[in-house]
Structure formats: structure tokens, C-alpha cells
């Protein structure tokens, strides 16, 4: 019976592809136009990496930017550069997204500064981990990861949603990971949070689609940032960053996807194929993920 299902999947694929293309075109037509100038954009995790580069991309186009992250000194550095690049206005609000009171303060300051306008929310703050599951002595790291990567995301989204719904054609853009598409060895807790994020925001996409709020899920692969260097856990495996995407390139692709109102953006060719293969050849896909992980991780002793 499984072979029959696979045969049907292959034979009807061209028809399904055309139907999917029609849905994609309809979504993009509904989302346009969306010029960046004068947009009010709130970015969490804005003090470094992808969030920092997203801020610079909007600054170059004369947007009004709200920067949120825990490190105040780094936020001030990013704010200064945004102003130099041409941002119309910049508001920096030191924020721990795991603290709901701080998130409420962030949204209130955004409301006051920009008269309740919020065109785009970039949910970008997060932590990583690197250690085999059996090596952990307790589960505190897993709770911390879920608090920041999942609850931190939905907290800022929940509190920002009233402003987003007041602003026509607003956007929510979520930085997930390919770890939200497949289980990666030594990233069990991280994968769990990203799978949770995927499920939540895919459901939210459906809820908000007819209300003029476009939700885009972004799945980067290896990106040159400090998230892996600051990961939780003390396992021996580090990511091999050869061929990794720069944070600037990642940010440009994300902003382009935001303008288009895309449903999702998968940033590696392997995982684009994997989205199709997972249902048709799940065991082969699992093998490829395992082999890819072995190549991506390098021992510290090497």
C-alpha cells in the first residue's frame, strides 16, 4: 500500500505543482506592493548577526526601526550605524524576550513612538545548543531553550499583534532554522524549539491570512553568526562553517521574502528538496540528514 501511495504521489506531482504555483502567485499578488521606505519595523535579536543585518537593510531604505536585544551597548552600536545608513528614526529598547514584562515595555514604547503603527515584526532572538542528549545531567538547558526560542517568540508576537492588525499589509517574519525541518544530531533541544515554532506560526499563518497579516517562516542553514559560539551545552562538536552564508546575504533574502509576503523561505537547496522528499522517501531523507550532520560537525581536537 505504501508503494501505491508513492506511485500516486509521483504521477500527480505535476498537477499539484501547478496548483501550488497558482496559490503562491495569488498570495504574492495580495501582498504587493510593499516599499520599505517609512515602514516601522521591530527586530528582536538586533544586536548581532542576522537581526543586525536586517536592521541595516531597512536603514538603507529609509525605514523607521525598533531595535530589541539584551545587550544595551551593542544595541547602541547598531543604532548609530542605522542612522548613518539613512534610517528615518531608530528606537533602541533593551529587552529580554523571555521576560514578558520587558516585552510589554518594548511594545508600549513602539506604540508611543510610532502612533501604534507597526508594519513588520522580525522574530529573531534565539539560543542554540550542541551536545548529545544522553550527555546532559539535567533538563534545565532544554527549559531555557524553550523559554527563549519558543515562548519568547510567541510572547512578542502576541503583544505586537494588535498593532500589526491595525497596520495594512503588515508582516511577521520568523527566523527558524533547518533544524525546524529535520532532526539534527546533537541539537535535540534546539530542534524541539524550532519544530514548536514551525507548528505555531504555520497555524498562525492560517488564522491571519484573511486579516491582512502575512506570516513568513524562514529556515536558514549555516550562517556566519555567533549563535553557535554561544550555544548551550558543552559537547565536542562545532559547526564547520566552510561555505556558510553570511548574515548580510541572509538578511537581504529575508527582506526580499518579506516584501513578497512569502509563506516560507528555505535557504539551502538540500532542504528545499527535503521538503518534498520527506513525505515520499522518509528513510532516505533521514539517512541524508544524518550524513550531512556528520560532515557539518567537526571535532575540537581536529
Protein backbone atom coordinates (compact mmCIF):
# COMPACT_ATOMS: atom_id res chain seq x y z
CA UNK A 1 0.00 0.00 0.00
CA UNK A 2 2.88 2.37 0.77
CA UNK A 3 4.27 1.81 -2.74
CA UNK A 4 0.86 2.67 -4.19
CA UNK A 5 0.82 5.93 -2.27
CA UNK A 6 4.32 6.73 -3.51
CA UNK A 7 3.30 5.97 -7.11
CA UNK A 8 0.26 8.23 -6.84
CA UNK A 9 2.42 10.98 -5.34
CA UNK A 10 4.83 10.84 -8.27
CA UNK A 11 2.18 10.67 -11.00
CA UNK A 12 0.06 13.56 -9.68
CA UNK A 13 3.06 15.73 -8.78
CA UNK A 14 2.87 17.92 -11.95
CA UNK A 15 -0.78 18.76 -11.24
CA UNK A 16 -0.06 19.51 -7.60
CA UNK A 17 2.91 21.64 -8.60
CA UNK A 18 0.72 23.80 -10.85
CA UNK A 19 -1.94 24.18 -8.16
CA UNK A 20 0.72 25.16 -5.63
CA UNK A 21 2.15 27.68 -8.07
CA UNK A 22 -1.28 29.25 -8.51
CA UNK A 23 -1.66 29.58 -4.72
CA UNK A 24 1.80 31.14 -4.47
CA UNK A 25 1.06 33.69 -7.20
CA UNK A 26 -2.25 34.60 -5.55
CA UNK A 27 -0.52 35.16 -2.22
CA UNK A 28 2.20 37.37 -3.74
CA UNK A 29 -0.29 39.47 -5.66
CA UNK A 30 -2.23 40.00 -2.45
CA UNK A 31 0.95 41.03 -0.61
CA UNK A 32 2.24 43.68 -3.06
CA UNK A 33 3.25 46.48 -3.25
CA UNK A 34 5.31 46.86 -0.07
CA UNK A 35 8.03 49.58 -0.34
CA UNK A 36 10.50 49.69 2.56
CA UNK A 37 10.69 53.46 2.95
CA UNK A 38 8.95 54.79 6.09
CA UNK A 39 7.99 51.30 7.23
CA UNK A 40 8.01 50.80 11.02
CA UNK A 41 9.96 47.60 11.69
CA UNK A 42 10.59 45.92 15.05
CA UNK A 43 13.52 43.49 15.17
CA UNK A 44 14.31 41.24 18.12
CA UNK A 45 17.83 39.84 18.41
CA UNK A 46 19.00 43.04 16.72
CA UNK A 47 22.36 43.44 18.46
CA UNK A 48 24.27 41.00 16.23
CA UNK A 49 24.12 38.52 13.38
CA UNK A 50 21.03 38.24 11.22
CA UNK A 51 18.98 40.72 13.24
CA UNK A 52 21.69 43.36 12.99
CA UNK A 53 21.93 42.95 9.21
CA UNK A 54 18.15 43.12 8.81
CA UNK A 55 18.26 46.47 10.61
CA UNK A 56 20.93 47.77 8.22
CA UNK A 57 18.96 46.64 5.18
CA UNK A 58 15.93 48.62 6.31
CA UNK A 59 18.08 51.60 7.30
CA UNK A 60 19.44 51.83 3.74
CA UNK A 61 15.86 52.24 2.51
CA UNK A 62 14.85 54.95 4.96
CA UNK A 63 12.71 52.86 7.30
CA UNK A 64 11.88 53.55 10.94
CA UNK A 65 13.40 50.87 13.10
CA UNK A 66 12.89 49.50 16.61
CA UNK A 67 15.88 47.51 17.86
CA UNK A 68 15.45 44.99 20.67
CA UNK A 69 18.06 42.76 22.33
CA UNK A 70 19.54 42.17 25.77
CA UNK A 71 22.90 43.89 25.26
CA UNK A 72 22.35 47.64 25.52
CA UNK A 73 25.85 48.64 24.45
CA UNK A 74 25.61 46.56 21.27
CA UNK A 75 22.17 47.98 20.54
CA UNK A 76 23.60 51.49 20.72
CA UNK A 77 26.31 50.50 18.24
CA UNK A 78 23.74 49.12 15.81
CA UNK A 79 21.52 52.18 16.29
CA UNK A 80 24.38 54.53 15.41
CA UNK A 81 25.15 52.64 12.20
CA UNK A 82 21.46 52.54 11.24
CA UNK A 83 21.33 56.32 11.50
CA UNK A 84 24.48 56.62 9.38
CA UNK A 85 22.93 54.37 6.71
CA UNK A 86 19.84 56.54 6.40
CA UNK A 87 17.18 55.27 8.80
CA UNK A 88 14.44 57.87 9.35
CA UNK A 89 14.12 57.05 13.04
CA UNK A 90 15.69 54.47 15.35
CA UNK A 91 14.44 53.38 18.77
CA UNK A 92 16.56 51.02 20.89
CA UNK A 93 14.85 49.12 23.70
CA UNK A 94 16.98 46.67 25.73
CA UNK A 95 14.76 43.60 26.03
CA UNK A 96 14.95 40.01 27.19
CA UNK A 97 12.21 38.30 25.17
CA UNK A 98 11.96 35.65 27.88
CA UNK A 99 10.63 38.31 30.28
CA UNK A 100 7.01 39.19 29.47
CA UNK A 101 7.17 42.48 31.39
CA UNK A 102 10.13 43.59 29.26
CA UNK A 103 8.30 42.53 26.10
CA UNK A 104 5.27 44.57 27.18
CA UNK A 105 7.54 47.57 27.72
CA UNK A 106 9.02 47.08 24.23
CA UNK A 107 5.60 47.09 22.56
CA UNK A 108 4.37 50.05 24.60
CA UNK A 109 7.40 52.14 23.63
CA UNK A 110 6.89 51.16 19.99
CA UNK A 111 3.24 52.18 20.22
CA UNK A 112 4.09 55.56 21.72
CA UNK A 113 6.97 56.34 19.36
CA UNK A 114 5.15 55.48 16.13
CA UNK A 115 1.48 56.17 16.89
CA UNK A 116 0.54 52.48 17.00
CA UNK A 117 1.96 51.79 13.53
CA UNK A 118 3.89 48.54 13.11
CA UNK A 119 4.47 47.28 9.57
CA UNK A 120 6.77 44.35 10.30
CA UNK A 121 7.84 42.26 13.27
CA UNK A 122 11.03 40.22 12.91
CA UNK A 123 11.08 37.45 15.50
CA UNK A 124 14.78 36.73 15.51
CA UNK A 125 16.09 36.30 19.07
CA UNK A 126 17.26 32.81 19.99
CA UNK A 127 19.76 30.41 21.55
CA UNK A 128 21.39 27.27 20.15
CA UNK A 129 22.78 24.12 21.76
CA UNK A 130 25.34 21.46 20.94
CA UNK A 131 25.60 18.21 22.86
CA UNK A 132 24.19 14.67 22.57
CA UNK A 133 21.01 14.24 24.62
CA UNK A 134 22.43 11.49 26.84
CA UNK A 135 25.31 13.76 27.95
CA UNK A 136 23.02 16.21 29.78
CA UNK A 137 22.85 15.73 33.55
CA UNK A 138 19.52 17.55 33.82
CA UNK A 139 16.97 19.22 31.55
CA UNK A 140 17.50 22.85 32.58
CA UNK A 141 19.10 23.67 29.22
CA UNK A 142 16.02 22.34 27.41
CA UNK A 143 13.72 24.51 29.52
CA UNK A 144 15.89 27.56 28.88
CA UNK A 145 15.86 26.91 25.13
CA UNK A 146 12.09 26.54 25.07
CA UNK A 147 11.62 29.68 27.18
CA UNK A 148 13.67 31.83 24.79
CA UNK A 149 13.23 30.19 21.38
CA UNK A 150 9.54 29.35 21.69
CA UNK A 151 7.83 31.30 24.45
CA UNK A 152 9.95 34.38 23.72
CA UNK A 153 8.76 34.27 20.10
CA UNK A 154 5.08 33.86 20.83
CA UNK A 155 5.18 36.42 23.65
CA UNK A 156 6.43 39.25 21.45
CA UNK A 157 4.08 38.15 18.66
CA UNK A 158 1.07 38.09 20.97
CA UNK A 159 1.75 41.54 22.36
CA UNK A 160 2.61 43.07 18.96
CA UNK A 161 -0.37 41.57 17.14
CA UNK A 162 -2.87 44.38 17.92
CA UNK A 163 -0.50 46.92 16.32
CA UNK A 164 0.14 44.67 13.34
CA UNK A 165 -3.58 44.18 12.72
CA UNK A 166 -4.10 47.96 12.77
CA UNK A 167 -1.47 48.41 10.05
CA UNK A 168 -2.48 47.39 6.50
CA UNK A 169 -0.47 44.58 4.88
CA UNK A 170 1.72 44.04 7.93
CA UNK A 171 4.28 41.26 8.23
CA UNK A 172 5.52 38.78 10.82
CA UNK A 173 8.84 37.21 9.83
CA UNK A 174 10.18 34.38 11.96
CA UNK A 175 13.79 33.20 11.90
CA UNK A 176 13.54 29.46 12.37
CA UNK A 177 16.23 27.03 11.15
CA UNK A 178 16.62 23.93 9.01
CA UNK A 179 16.60 22.30 12.46
CA UNK A 180 12.87 23.01 12.34
CA UNK A 181 12.57 20.82 9.25
CA UNK A 182 14.62 17.78 10.29
CA UNK A 183 16.06 16.33 13.48
CA UNK A 184 19.76 17.23 13.69
CA UNK A 185 22.04 15.10 15.93
CA UNK A 186 23.44 16.94 18.98
CA UNK A 187 20.75 19.62 18.55
CA UNK A 188 17.81 17.79 20.15
CA UNK A 189 16.63 20.66 22.37
CA UNK A 190 17.21 23.24 19.65
CA UNK A 191 15.28 21.15 17.13
CA UNK A 192 12.41 20.77 19.58
CA UNK A 193 12.06 24.54 19.90
CA UNK A 194 12.25 25.09 16.15
CA UNK A 195 9.66 22.39 15.45
CA UNK A 196 7.40 24.08 18.01
CA UNK A 197 7.97 27.45 16.34
CA UNK A 198 7.15 25.95 12.95
CA UNK A 199 3.88 24.46 14.16
CA UNK A 200 2.78 27.61 15.95
CA UNK A 201 3.48 30.01 13.11
CA UNK A 202 2.08 27.74 10.39
CA UNK A 203 -1.16 27.73 12.38
CA UNK A 204 -0.95 31.49 12.84
CA UNK A 205 -0.46 31.89 9.07
CA UNK A 206 -3.87 30.33 8.52
CA UNK A 207 -5.50 32.43 11.23
CA UNK A 208 -4.19 35.75 9.92
CA UNK A 209 -4.14 35.22 6.14
CA UNK A 210 -7.57 36.80 5.57
CA UNK A 211 -6.85 39.58 8.07
CA UNK A 212 -4.08 41.20 6.05
CA UNK A 213 -1.16 39.99 8.20
CA UNK A 214 1.40 37.94 6.25
CA UNK A 215 3.46 35.43 8.24
CA UNK A 216 6.75 34.24 6.72
CA UNK A 217 8.78 31.37 8.19
CA UNK A 218 12.49 31.47 7.36
CA UNK A 219 14.69 28.36 7.53
CA UNK A 220 18.39 29.31 7.28
CA UNK A 221 21.12 26.71 7.11
CA UNK A 222 24.62 27.52 8.38
CA UNK A 223 25.00 31.30 8.72
CA UNK A 224 28.13 33.11 9.94
CA UNK A 225 26.96 34.48 13.31
CA UNK A 226 27.96 33.98 16.93
CA UNK A 227 24.92 31.84 17.82
CA UNK A 228 26.91 28.59 17.63
CA UNK A 229 29.83 30.03 19.62
CA UNK A 230 27.43 30.96 22.44
CA UNK A 231 25.38 27.76 22.28
CA UNK A 232 24.26 25.93 25.40
CA UNK A 233 25.84 22.57 26.21
CA UNK A 234 29.49 21.56 26.24
CA UNK A 235 29.65 18.84 23.62
CA UNK A 236 32.80 18.46 21.48
CA UNK A 237 31.18 19.14 18.11
CA UNK A 238 31.46 22.56 16.44
CA UNK A 239 29.91 23.53 13.14
CA UNK A 240 32.18 23.58 10.13
CA UNK A 241 31.38 26.99 8.67
CA UNK A 242 33.02 26.45 5.28
CA UNK A 243 30.59 27.66 2.65
CA UNK A 244 28.24 29.14 5.25
CA UNK A 245 26.02 32.03 4.21
CA UNK A 246 26.91 35.49 5.50
CA UNK A 247 24.45 37.21 7.82
CA UNK A 248 24.20 40.07 5.31
CA UNK A 249 23.14 37.75 2.48
CA UNK A 250 20.67 36.01 4.77
CA UNK A 251 19.15 39.36 5.77
CA UNK A 252 18.78 40.53 2.17
CA UNK A 253 16.98 37.31 1.23
CA UNK A 254 14.70 37.66 4.26
CA UNK A 255 13.77 41.25 3.43
CA UNK A 256 13.03 40.24 -0.17
CA UNK A 257 10.78 37.43 1.08
CA UNK A 258 9.09 39.91 3.41
CA UNK A 259 8.23 42.22 0.53
CA UNK A 260 6.80 39.28 -1.41
CA UNK A 261 4.74 38.08 1.56
CA UNK A 262 6.10 34.57 1.12
CA UNK A 263 4.78 31.67 3.16
CA UNK A 264 8.26 30.33 3.79
CA UNK A 265 11.87 30.72 2.75
CA UNK A 266 14.16 27.67 2.86
CA UNK A 267 17.73 28.81 2.35
CA UNK A 268 19.53 25.61 1.34
CA UNK A 269 18.98 23.57 -1.83
CA UNK A 270 19.25 20.34 0.15
CA UNK A 271 16.40 21.23 2.48
CA UNK A 272 14.26 22.61 -0.35
CA UNK A 273 14.43 19.13 -1.85
CA UNK A 274 13.99 17.65 1.60
CA UNK A 275 10.61 19.36 1.98
CA UNK A 276 9.44 17.24 -0.98
CA UNK A 277 11.34 14.07 -0.13
CA UNK A 278 10.25 13.86 3.50
CA UNK A 279 6.80 12.55 2.63
CA UNK A 280 7.81 10.35 -0.31
CA UNK A 281 11.12 8.82 0.84
CA UNK A 282 11.33 9.46 4.62
CA UNK A 283 14.00 6.84 5.35
CA UNK A 284 16.29 8.08 2.60
CA UNK A 285 15.80 11.66 3.79
CA UNK A 286 16.69 10.65 7.37
CA UNK A 287 19.89 8.98 6.10
CA UNK A 288 20.90 12.11 4.17
CA UNK A 289 20.31 14.29 7.24
CA UNK A 290 22.48 12.02 9.41
CA UNK A 291 25.31 12.02 6.88
CA UNK A 292 25.05 15.77 6.42
CA UNK A 293 25.29 16.31 10.16
CA UNK A 294 28.47 14.22 10.38
CA UNK A 295 30.07 16.37 7.69
CA UNK A 296 28.89 19.63 9.28
CA UNK A 297 30.24 18.88 12.75
CA UNK A 298 33.98 18.84 13.35
CA UNK A 299 35.71 17.69 16.47
CA UNK A 300 37.52 20.34 18.51
CA UNK A 301 40.57 18.12 18.56
CA UNK A 302 40.96 18.31 14.78
